[in-house]
Protein backbone atom coordinates (compact mmCIF):
# COMPACT_ATOMS: atom_id res chain seq x y z
CA MET A 1 -8.00 -80.81 -165.35
CA VAL A 2 -8.44 -77.30 -164.21
CA SER A 3 -11.67 -76.33 -162.20
CA THR A 4 -14.48 -74.85 -164.28
CA PRO A 5 -16.83 -72.10 -162.99
CA ASP A 6 -19.24 -74.86 -161.87
CA GLY A 7 -16.69 -76.08 -159.41
CA THR A 8 -15.80 -79.23 -161.07
CA GLY A 9 -12.20 -80.61 -161.15
CA ARG A 10 -10.24 -83.58 -160.01
CA PHE A 11 -10.76 -82.64 -156.38
CA ALA A 12 -14.18 -80.95 -156.47
CA GLY A 13 -15.74 -81.18 -153.00
CA GLN A 14 -12.75 -82.96 -151.40
CA VAL A 15 -11.34 -81.73 -148.02
CA VAL A 16 -7.70 -81.47 -148.04
CA ALA A 17 -5.65 -80.44 -144.90
CA ILE A 18 -2.11 -78.84 -145.68
CA THR A 19 0.41 -78.26 -142.80
CA GLY A 20 3.23 -75.76 -143.36
CA ALA A 21 0.77 -73.87 -145.56
CA GLY A 22 2.65 -70.61 -145.47
CA GLY A 23 5.76 -72.00 -147.17
CA ALA A 24 6.32 -71.54 -151.04
CA LEU A 25 5.91 -75.30 -152.02
CA ALA A 26 2.73 -75.84 -149.87
CA ARG A 27 1.42 -72.57 -150.97
CA ALA A 28 1.67 -73.63 -154.70
CA THR A 29 -0.01 -76.92 -153.83
CA ALA A 30 -2.86 -75.12 -152.11
CA VAL A 31 -3.33 -72.86 -154.99
CA ARG A 32 -3.51 -75.72 -157.47
CA LEU A 33 -5.81 -77.65 -155.24
CA ALA A 34 -8.24 -74.72 -154.76
CA ALA A 35 -8.23 -74.25 -158.59
CA GLU A 36 -9.32 -77.90 -158.93
CA GLY A 37 -12.28 -77.63 -156.49
CA ALA A 38 -10.80 -78.71 -153.11
CA LYS A 39 -11.98 -77.37 -149.90
CA LEU A 40 -8.86 -76.45 -147.99
CA ALA A 41 -7.82 -76.37 -144.31
CA LEU A 42 -4.33 -74.66 -143.90
CA PHE A 43 -2.26 -74.84 -140.95
CA ASP A 44 1.04 -72.93 -140.12
CA ARG A 45 2.48 -71.22 -137.10
CA ASP A 46 3.34 -68.05 -139.26
CA THR A 47 0.13 -66.29 -139.16
CA GLU A 48 1.13 -63.67 -141.69
CA LYS A 49 2.13 -66.36 -144.34
CA LEU A 50 -0.76 -68.38 -143.71
CA ALA A 51 -3.03 -65.45 -144.36
CA GLU A 52 -1.04 -64.85 -147.59
CA THR A 53 -1.80 -68.39 -148.73
CA ALA A 54 -5.39 -68.24 -147.74
CA ALA A 55 -5.90 -65.03 -149.71
CA LEU A 56 -5.06 -67.12 -152.81
CA CYS A 57 -7.49 -69.81 -151.90
CA PRO A 58 -11.01 -68.51 -151.62
CA GLY A 59 -13.01 -70.26 -148.88
CA ALA A 60 -9.98 -71.78 -147.13
CA LEU A 61 -9.96 -72.40 -143.36
CA THR A 62 -6.96 -71.17 -141.62
CA VAL A 63 -5.77 -72.51 -138.41
CA PRO A 64 -2.48 -71.31 -136.61
CA GLY A 65 -0.47 -73.70 -134.63
CA ASP A 66 2.72 -75.71 -134.11
CA VAL A 67 3.20 -78.99 -135.98
CA THR A 68 5.36 -80.28 -133.18
CA SER A 69 2.34 -79.88 -130.74
CA ALA A 70 -0.08 -82.91 -130.46
CA ALA A 71 -2.72 -80.52 -129.00
CA ASP A 72 -2.26 -77.99 -131.83
CA MET A 73 -2.62 -80.72 -134.44
CA ALA A 74 -5.54 -82.36 -132.78
CA ALA A 75 -7.37 -78.85 -132.73
CA PHE A 76 -6.39 -78.42 -136.51
CA ALA A 77 -8.15 -81.82 -137.31
CA GLU A 78 -11.21 -80.97 -135.16
CA ALA A 79 -11.38 -77.54 -136.83
CA THR A 80 -11.32 -79.18 -140.35
CA GLN A 81 -14.09 -81.55 -139.51
CA ALA A 82 -16.21 -79.06 -138.04
CA ALA A 83 -15.88 -76.63 -141.06
CA PHE A 84 -15.96 -79.13 -143.83
CA GLY A 85 -16.50 -82.67 -142.48
CA PRO A 86 -13.72 -85.25 -142.44
CA ALA A 87 -10.60 -84.80 -144.50
CA HIS A 88 -10.28 -86.86 -147.73
CA LYS A 89 -6.52 -86.01 -148.22
CA LEU A 90 -3.48 -84.84 -146.25
CA VAL A 91 -0.42 -82.89 -147.38
CA ALA A 92 2.09 -82.56 -144.67
CA ALA A 93 4.52 -80.06 -146.01
CA ALA A 94 5.99 -78.43 -142.86
CA GLY A 95 9.79 -78.44 -142.70
CA ILE A 96 12.82 -76.56 -141.88
CA LEU A 97 16.56 -76.80 -142.88
CA GLY A 98 18.24 -76.25 -139.55
CA LYS A 99 21.86 -75.16 -139.56
CA ALA A 100 24.67 -76.38 -141.80
CA GLY A 101 27.60 -78.51 -140.45
CA PRO A 102 28.53 -82.08 -139.75
CA ALA A 103 26.25 -84.23 -137.72
CA ILE A 104 28.60 -84.48 -134.79
CA GLU A 105 28.97 -80.74 -134.56
CA MET A 106 25.21 -79.99 -134.34
CA GLU A 107 23.86 -78.54 -131.25
CA GLU A 108 21.47 -80.93 -129.47
CA GLU A 109 18.69 -78.13 -129.41
CA MET A 110 18.99 -77.70 -133.23
CA TRP A 111 19.07 -81.43 -133.97
CA ASP A 112 15.95 -81.95 -131.85
CA ARG A 113 14.13 -79.04 -133.46
CA VAL A 114 14.84 -80.26 -136.97
CA PHE A 115 13.52 -83.76 -136.12
CA ALA A 116 10.66 -82.31 -134.19
CA ILE A 117 9.25 -80.30 -137.11
CA ASN A 118 10.32 -82.45 -140.03
CA VAL A 119 9.62 -85.83 -138.64
CA LYS A 120 7.34 -85.66 -135.59
CA GLY A 121 5.26 -82.93 -137.43
CA ALA A 122 4.58 -85.39 -140.31
CA TRP A 123 3.66 -88.18 -137.84
CA LEU A 124 1.45 -86.05 -135.81
CA ALA A 125 -0.34 -84.80 -138.99
CA ALA A 126 -0.80 -88.50 -140.22
CA ARG A 127 -1.98 -89.53 -136.72
CA ALA A 128 -4.51 -86.67 -136.52
CA PHE A 129 -5.96 -87.05 -140.13
CA ILE A 130 -5.76 -90.61 -141.15
CA PRO A 131 -8.76 -91.53 -138.76
CA GLN A 132 -10.80 -88.95 -140.69
CA ILE A 133 -9.56 -90.12 -144.11
CA ARG A 134 -10.60 -93.74 -142.99
CA THR A 135 -14.15 -92.73 -142.84
CA HIS A 136 -14.39 -92.25 -146.69
CA GLY A 137 -13.16 -95.79 -147.22
CA ALA A 138 -10.24 -94.36 -149.32
CA GLY A 139 -7.87 -91.44 -149.42
CA ALA A 140 -4.42 -90.19 -149.89
CA VAL A 141 -1.49 -88.63 -147.92
CA VAL A 142 1.53 -86.94 -149.21
CA LEU A 143 4.43 -86.03 -146.79
CA PHE A 144 7.51 -83.87 -147.89
CA SER A 145 10.76 -85.45 -147.83
CA SER A 146 13.68 -84.29 -150.07
CA THR A 147 16.48 -85.53 -152.32
CA ALA A 148 18.54 -85.04 -149.13
CA GLY A 149 16.33 -87.80 -147.64
CA VAL A 150 17.47 -90.11 -150.20
CA MET A 151 21.27 -89.31 -150.50
CA GLY A 152 23.46 -88.02 -147.56
CA SER A 153 24.31 -84.28 -147.32
CA PRO A 154 27.81 -83.07 -146.01
CA THR A 155 26.44 -79.63 -145.13
CA LEU A 156 22.77 -80.26 -143.95
CA SER A 157 23.30 -83.29 -142.06
CA ALA A 158 20.40 -83.01 -139.56
CA TYR A 159 17.97 -81.90 -142.33
CA SER A 160 19.14 -85.01 -144.36
CA ALA A 161 18.73 -87.45 -141.63
CA SER A 162 15.16 -86.02 -140.84
CA LYS A 163 14.11 -86.29 -144.39
CA GLY A 164 15.31 -89.91 -144.57
CA ALA A 165 13.20 -90.61 -141.67
CA VAL A 166 10.23 -89.09 -143.48
CA SER A 167 10.97 -91.25 -146.63
CA LEU A 168 10.79 -94.48 -144.36
CA LEU A 169 7.74 -93.08 -142.33
CA THR A 170 6.11 -92.87 -145.72
CA ARG A 171 6.67 -96.61 -146.49
CA SER A 172 5.55 -97.67 -143.13
CA LEU A 173 2.49 -95.66 -143.31
CA ALA A 174 1.68 -96.96 -146.76
CA LEU A 175 1.93 -100.66 -145.47
CA ASN A 176 -0.11 -99.85 -142.38
CA HIS A 177 -2.95 -98.33 -144.47
CA ALA A 178 -2.83 -100.20 -147.78
CA ALA A 179 -5.75 -102.51 -146.85
CA GLU A 180 -7.87 -99.43 -146.21
CA ASN A 181 -7.17 -98.07 -149.57
CA ILE A 182 -5.37 -94.96 -148.03
CA ARG A 183 -2.21 -94.43 -150.15
CA VAL A 184 0.83 -92.63 -148.63
CA ASN A 185 3.67 -91.22 -150.79
CA CYS A 186 6.18 -88.53 -150.44
CA VAL A 187 7.68 -85.99 -152.64
CA CYS A 188 11.33 -85.51 -152.64
CA PRO A 189 12.03 -81.90 -154.07
CA GLY A 190 15.61 -81.12 -155.12
CA THR A 191 16.82 -77.58 -155.25
CA ILE A 192 13.66 -75.44 -155.86
CA ASP A 193 13.59 -71.69 -156.45
CA SER A 194 12.14 -70.74 -153.09
CA PRO A 195 13.14 -69.00 -149.95
CA MET A 196 14.27 -72.38 -148.43
CA SER A 197 16.87 -72.81 -151.10
CA ASP A 198 17.99 -69.13 -150.70
CA SER A 199 18.49 -69.95 -147.03
CA SER A 200 20.68 -72.84 -147.83
CA PHE A 201 22.78 -70.52 -150.12
CA ASP A 202 23.01 -67.86 -147.53
CA MET A 203 24.54 -70.39 -145.10
CA ALA A 204 27.75 -70.30 -147.28
CA GLY A 205 28.09 -66.45 -146.53
CA THR A 206 27.67 -63.37 -148.73
CA GLY A 207 28.88 -62.22 -152.09
CA ALA A 208 31.27 -64.56 -153.83
CA ALA A 209 30.99 -67.45 -151.29
CA ARG A 210 27.18 -67.28 -151.61
CA ASP A 211 27.45 -67.25 -155.38
CA ALA A 212 29.84 -70.17 -155.40
CA ARG A 213 27.48 -72.23 -153.33
CA GLU A 214 24.51 -71.59 -155.67
CA ALA A 215 26.56 -72.43 -158.80
CA MET A 216 27.88 -75.62 -157.16
CA MET A 217 24.25 -76.73 -156.46
CA LEU A 218 23.22 -75.68 -160.06
CA ALA A 219 26.15 -77.75 -161.55
CA LYS A 220 24.77 -80.86 -159.90
CA ILE A 221 21.44 -80.56 -161.71
CA PRO A 222 21.49 -82.50 -165.17
CA MET A 223 18.56 -80.30 -166.36
CA GLY A 224 20.64 -77.29 -165.86
CA ARG A 225 18.20 -75.13 -163.72
CA PHE A 226 16.44 -75.03 -160.31
CA GLY A 227 12.89 -76.34 -159.94
CA LEU A 228 9.73 -74.22 -159.48
CA PRO A 229 7.40 -74.63 -156.62
CA ALA A 230 4.55 -75.17 -159.14
CA GLU A 231 6.38 -78.24 -160.43
CA VAL A 232 6.45 -79.65 -157.06
CA ALA A 233 2.74 -78.81 -156.68
CA ASP A 234 2.10 -80.73 -159.92
CA ALA A 235 3.77 -83.82 -158.34
CA VAL A 236 1.70 -83.65 -155.05
CA LEU A 237 -1.48 -83.28 -157.07
CA TYR A 238 -0.60 -86.45 -159.13
CA LEU A 239 0.16 -88.38 -156.06
CA LEU A 240 -3.17 -87.19 -154.41
CA SER A 241 -5.36 -87.86 -157.50
CA ASP A 242 -7.08 -90.97 -158.80
CA SER A 243 -4.45 -91.20 -161.46
CA ALA A 244 -2.04 -92.59 -158.94
CA ALA A 245 -4.69 -95.04 -157.50
CA TYR A 246 -2.29 -98.00 -157.44
CA THR A 247 0.78 -95.90 -156.27
CA SER A 248 1.64 -96.13 -152.66
CA GLY A 249 4.95 -95.84 -150.62
CA VAL A 250 6.79 -94.06 -153.15
CA ALA A 251 9.38 -91.36 -152.67
CA LEU A 252 8.99 -89.33 -155.85
CA PRO A 253 12.08 -87.18 -156.80
CA VAL A 254 11.21 -83.72 -158.35
CA ASP A 255 14.73 -82.77 -158.98
CA GLY A 256 15.84 -82.31 -162.70
CA ALA A 257 17.38 -85.70 -162.72
CA ARG A 258 19.78 -85.16 -160.02
CA LEU A 259 19.21 -88.53 -158.27
CA ALA A 260 19.17 -90.33 -161.68
């Protein structure tokens, strides 16, 4: 259901907080939510990308900050409530790839950074916003995992391990809050046509080496193409919507059947 001029839609009047809002997948999600009537609170440490997303979502609140900072996340939650009232929904989309390489060759600083953003950031967002969601007597949370959080990766070991943690954090939160009618799910995007995927190809090098990495990834996808940010956004909106009222604790692949 698409928003109509009178502001109706699946999310009309609902307050949705989004972390990592400057990223391609979060931006596509924000645009879809805005089109369906949501009031958006957007959070990212990249102020330029945050502003670009906000420009596509009239009326959105923007709060710059670091997802690894409890103080910044608390400030985001407070700003959201001050602007719109308590949040109804949360999308925790902030994440980074980190460096490529086997797990035991990863620098400690990089390992900690990947886990801080991908795992701690999702946990801090849930901790800050679920108390707000609780006040409505129901709500929904969507975290961002990855197909790499379901299967191992020989090249993105830290990223894979962190996203595996997000997948199980999702299940734990779903159990924690099921009796409160707060549903918690995660999406597991595969290779999506986005700057993050471009970065993963770039890790192979330039020229023929990069092309070979991209071709190798494409060959693993039964549908024969990379996904689109809008297709991930569609999955997020489904999980946030009343159409998924009996769905919680799910890690939903959006991957062209790669995990099938």
